[in-house]
Amino acid sequence: MAACRVNPDDPESGITASFGVTCMRDVDGDFEAMLRRADRALYRAKQEGRNRTCVAADE
């Protein structure tokens, strides 16, 4: 659980954040391709335990 608490009286009220990160590449063709890659990285971050950042793998 993250150290930041929404309600200090409730130890289960923490906030976490997960991020999927990528860069626009010349081969992407459009913004949607980049967004799909970032989305896959985001869900990988959540599967690996949340509260983390994952960089999209080159595909």
N, C-alpha and C. Protein backbone atom coordinates (compact mmCIF):
# COMPACT_ATOMS: atom_id res chain seq x y z
N MET A 1 0.85 -1.18 0.00
CA MET A 1 0.00 0.00 0.00
C MET A 1 0.89 1.24 0.00
N ALA A 2 0.51 2.23 -0.75
CA ALA A 2 1.28 3.47 -0.85
C ALA A 2 1.26 4.25 0.46
N ALA A 3 2.27 5.07 0.64
CA ALA A 3 2.40 5.84 1.88
C ALA A 3 1.40 6.99 1.95
N CYS A 4 0.94 7.48 0.84
CA CYS A 4 -0.03 8.58 0.83
C CYS A 4 -1.41 8.04 1.22
N ARG A 5 -2.02 8.62 2.23
CA ARG A 5 -3.32 8.17 2.72
C ARG A 5 -4.40 9.20 2.41
N VAL A 6 -5.53 8.73 1.91
CA VAL A 6 -6.67 9.60 1.66
C VAL A 6 -7.30 9.99 2.99
N ASN A 7 -7.40 9.03 3.88
CA ASN A 7 -7.98 9.24 5.20
C ASN A 7 -6.97 8.71 6.22
N PRO A 8 -6.29 9.58 6.96
CA PRO A 8 -5.26 9.14 7.91
C PRO A 8 -5.78 8.17 8.97
N ASP A 9 -7.09 8.17 9.22
CA ASP A 9 -7.66 7.27 10.22
C ASP A 9 -7.94 5.88 9.66
N ASP A 10 -7.81 5.72 8.35
CA ASP A 10 -8.08 4.43 7.70
C ASP A 10 -6.81 3.94 7.02
N PRO A 11 -6.12 2.95 7.59
CA PRO A 11 -4.85 2.48 7.02
C PRO A 11 -4.99 1.83 5.64
N GLU A 12 -6.20 1.51 5.22
CA GLU A 12 -6.42 0.87 3.92
C GLU A 12 -6.75 1.88 2.81
N SER A 13 -6.64 3.17 3.08
CA SER A 13 -7.10 4.19 2.14
C SER A 13 -5.98 4.80 1.31
N GLY A 14 -4.96 4.04 0.97
CA GLY A 14 -3.83 4.58 0.20
C GLY A 14 -4.15 4.81 -1.26
N ILE A 15 -3.31 5.61 -1.89
CA ILE A 15 -3.43 5.90 -3.31
C ILE A 15 -2.22 5.30 -4.02
N THR A 16 -2.47 4.63 -5.14
CA THR A 16 -1.39 4.13 -5.97
C THR A 16 -1.61 4.62 -7.40
N ALA A 17 -0.57 4.54 -8.21
CA ALA A 17 -0.69 4.94 -9.62
C ALA A 17 0.20 4.03 -10.46
N SER A 18 -0.34 3.60 -11.58
CA SER A 18 0.42 2.80 -12.54
C SER A 18 0.46 3.55 -13.86
N PHE A 19 1.59 3.44 -14.58
CA PHE A 19 1.76 4.15 -15.83
C PHE A 19 2.35 3.23 -16.89
N GLY A 20 1.90 3.40 -18.10
CA GLY A 20 2.48 2.75 -19.26
C GLY A 20 3.11 3.82 -20.13
N VAL A 21 4.39 3.66 -20.47
CA VAL A 21 5.14 4.70 -21.16
C VAL A 21 5.67 4.17 -22.49
N THR A 22 5.62 5.00 -23.51
CA THR A 22 6.19 4.66 -24.81
C THR A 22 6.54 5.95 -25.54
N CYS A 23 7.14 5.82 -26.71
CA CYS A 23 7.46 6.96 -27.57
C CYS A 23 6.81 6.75 -28.92
N MET A 24 6.49 7.84 -29.58
CA MET A 24 5.99 7.76 -30.95
C MET A 24 7.16 7.38 -31.85
N ARG A 25 6.95 6.37 -32.69
CA ARG A 25 8.00 5.92 -33.59
C ARG A 25 7.58 6.18 -35.03
N ASP A 26 8.55 6.32 -35.91
CA ASP A 26 8.25 6.56 -37.33
C ASP A 26 7.42 5.44 -37.92
N VAL A 27 7.60 4.22 -37.44
CA VAL A 27 6.89 3.07 -38.00
C VAL A 27 5.47 2.94 -37.45
N ASP A 28 5.09 3.76 -36.47
CA ASP A 28 3.75 3.65 -35.88
C ASP A 28 2.65 3.95 -36.89
N GLY A 29 2.85 4.90 -37.75
CA GLY A 29 1.83 5.23 -38.73
C GLY A 29 0.77 6.18 -38.20
N ASP A 30 0.33 6.00 -36.96
CA ASP A 30 -0.68 6.88 -36.39
C ASP A 30 -0.59 6.89 -34.86
N PHE A 31 -1.29 7.82 -34.29
CA PHE A 31 -1.30 7.99 -32.84
C PHE A 31 -1.87 6.76 -32.13
N GLU A 32 -2.86 6.11 -32.75
CA GLU A 32 -3.52 4.96 -32.13
C GLU A 32 -2.55 3.81 -31.88
N ALA A 33 -1.60 3.59 -32.76
CA ALA A 33 -0.61 2.52 -32.57
C ALA A 33 0.22 2.78 -31.32
N MET A 34 0.64 4.03 -31.14
CA MET A 34 1.40 4.39 -29.96
C MET A 34 0.54 4.21 -28.70
N LEU A 35 -0.70 4.64 -28.77
CA LEU A 35 -1.60 4.53 -27.62
C LEU A 35 -1.84 3.07 -27.23
N ARG A 36 -2.00 2.20 -28.21
CA ARG A 36 -2.19 0.77 -27.90
C ARG A 36 -0.96 0.19 -27.20
N ARG A 37 0.23 0.59 -27.65
CA ARG A 37 1.47 0.11 -27.01
C ARG A 37 1.56 0.61 -25.57
N ALA A 38 1.23 1.88 -25.34
CA ALA A 38 1.25 2.42 -23.98
C ALA A 38 0.21 1.73 -23.10
N ASP A 39 -0.94 1.42 -23.67
CA ASP A 39 -2.00 0.74 -22.93
C ASP A 39 -1.55 -0.66 -22.50
N ARG A 40 -0.88 -1.39 -23.40
CA ARG A 40 -0.36 -2.71 -23.02
C ARG A 40 0.66 -2.59 -21.90
N ALA A 41 1.51 -1.57 -21.96
CA ALA A 41 2.49 -1.36 -20.89
C ALA A 41 1.79 -1.03 -19.57
N LEU A 42 0.72 -0.25 -19.63
CA LEU A 42 -0.04 0.08 -18.42
C LEU A 42 -0.61 -1.17 -17.77
N TYR A 43 -1.23 -2.04 -18.57
CA TYR A 43 -1.82 -3.25 -18.00
C TYR A 43 -0.74 -4.20 -17.48
N ARG A 44 0.44 -4.19 -18.11
CA ARG A 44 1.56 -4.99 -17.58
C ARG A 44 1.97 -4.44 -16.21
N ALA A 45 2.00 -3.13 -16.05
CA ALA A 45 2.35 -2.52 -14.76
C ALA A 45 1.35 -2.95 -13.69
N LYS A 46 0.07 -2.98 -14.04
CA LYS A 46 -0.95 -3.40 -13.08
C LYS A 46 -0.80 -4.88 -12.73
N GLN A 47 -0.50 -5.71 -13.72
CA GLN A 47 -0.34 -7.15 -13.47
C GLN A 47 0.88 -7.44 -12.62
N GLU A 48 1.90 -6.60 -12.73
CA GLU A 48 3.14 -6.83 -11.98
C GLU A 48 3.08 -6.28 -10.56
N GLY A 49 1.93 -5.83 -10.13
CA GLY A 49 1.79 -5.42 -8.75
C GLY A 49 1.31 -4.01 -8.52
N ARG A 50 0.97 -3.32 -9.56
CA ARG A 50 0.46 -1.95 -9.46
C ARG A 50 1.49 -1.01 -8.86
N ASN A 51 1.15 0.27 -8.83
CA ASN A 51 1.98 1.30 -8.24
C ASN A 51 3.39 1.31 -8.85
N ARG A 52 3.45 1.21 -10.18
CA ARG A 52 4.74 1.19 -10.88
C ARG A 52 4.58 1.73 -12.28
N THR A 53 5.72 1.91 -12.95
CA THR A 53 5.75 2.37 -14.33
C THR A 53 6.41 1.31 -15.18
N CYS A 54 5.81 0.97 -16.31
CA CYS A 54 6.38 0.03 -17.26
C CYS A 54 6.57 0.73 -18.60
N VAL A 55 7.72 0.49 -19.20
CA VAL A 55 8.02 1.04 -20.51
C VAL A 55 7.66 0.00 -21.55
N ALA A 56 6.98 0.40 -22.61
CA ALA A 56 6.57 -0.53 -23.66
C ALA A 56 7.79 -1.14 -24.32
N ALA A 57 7.72 -2.44 -24.53
CA ALA A 57 8.80 -3.15 -25.22
C ALA A 57 8.75 -2.84 -26.70
N ASP A 58 9.90 -2.85 -27.36
CA ASP A 58 9.90 -2.70 -28.81
C ASP A 58 9.22 -3.90 -29.43
N GLU A 59 8.32 -3.64 -30.35
CA GLU A 59 7.58 -4.73 -30.99
C GLU A 59 7.81 -4.73 -32.47
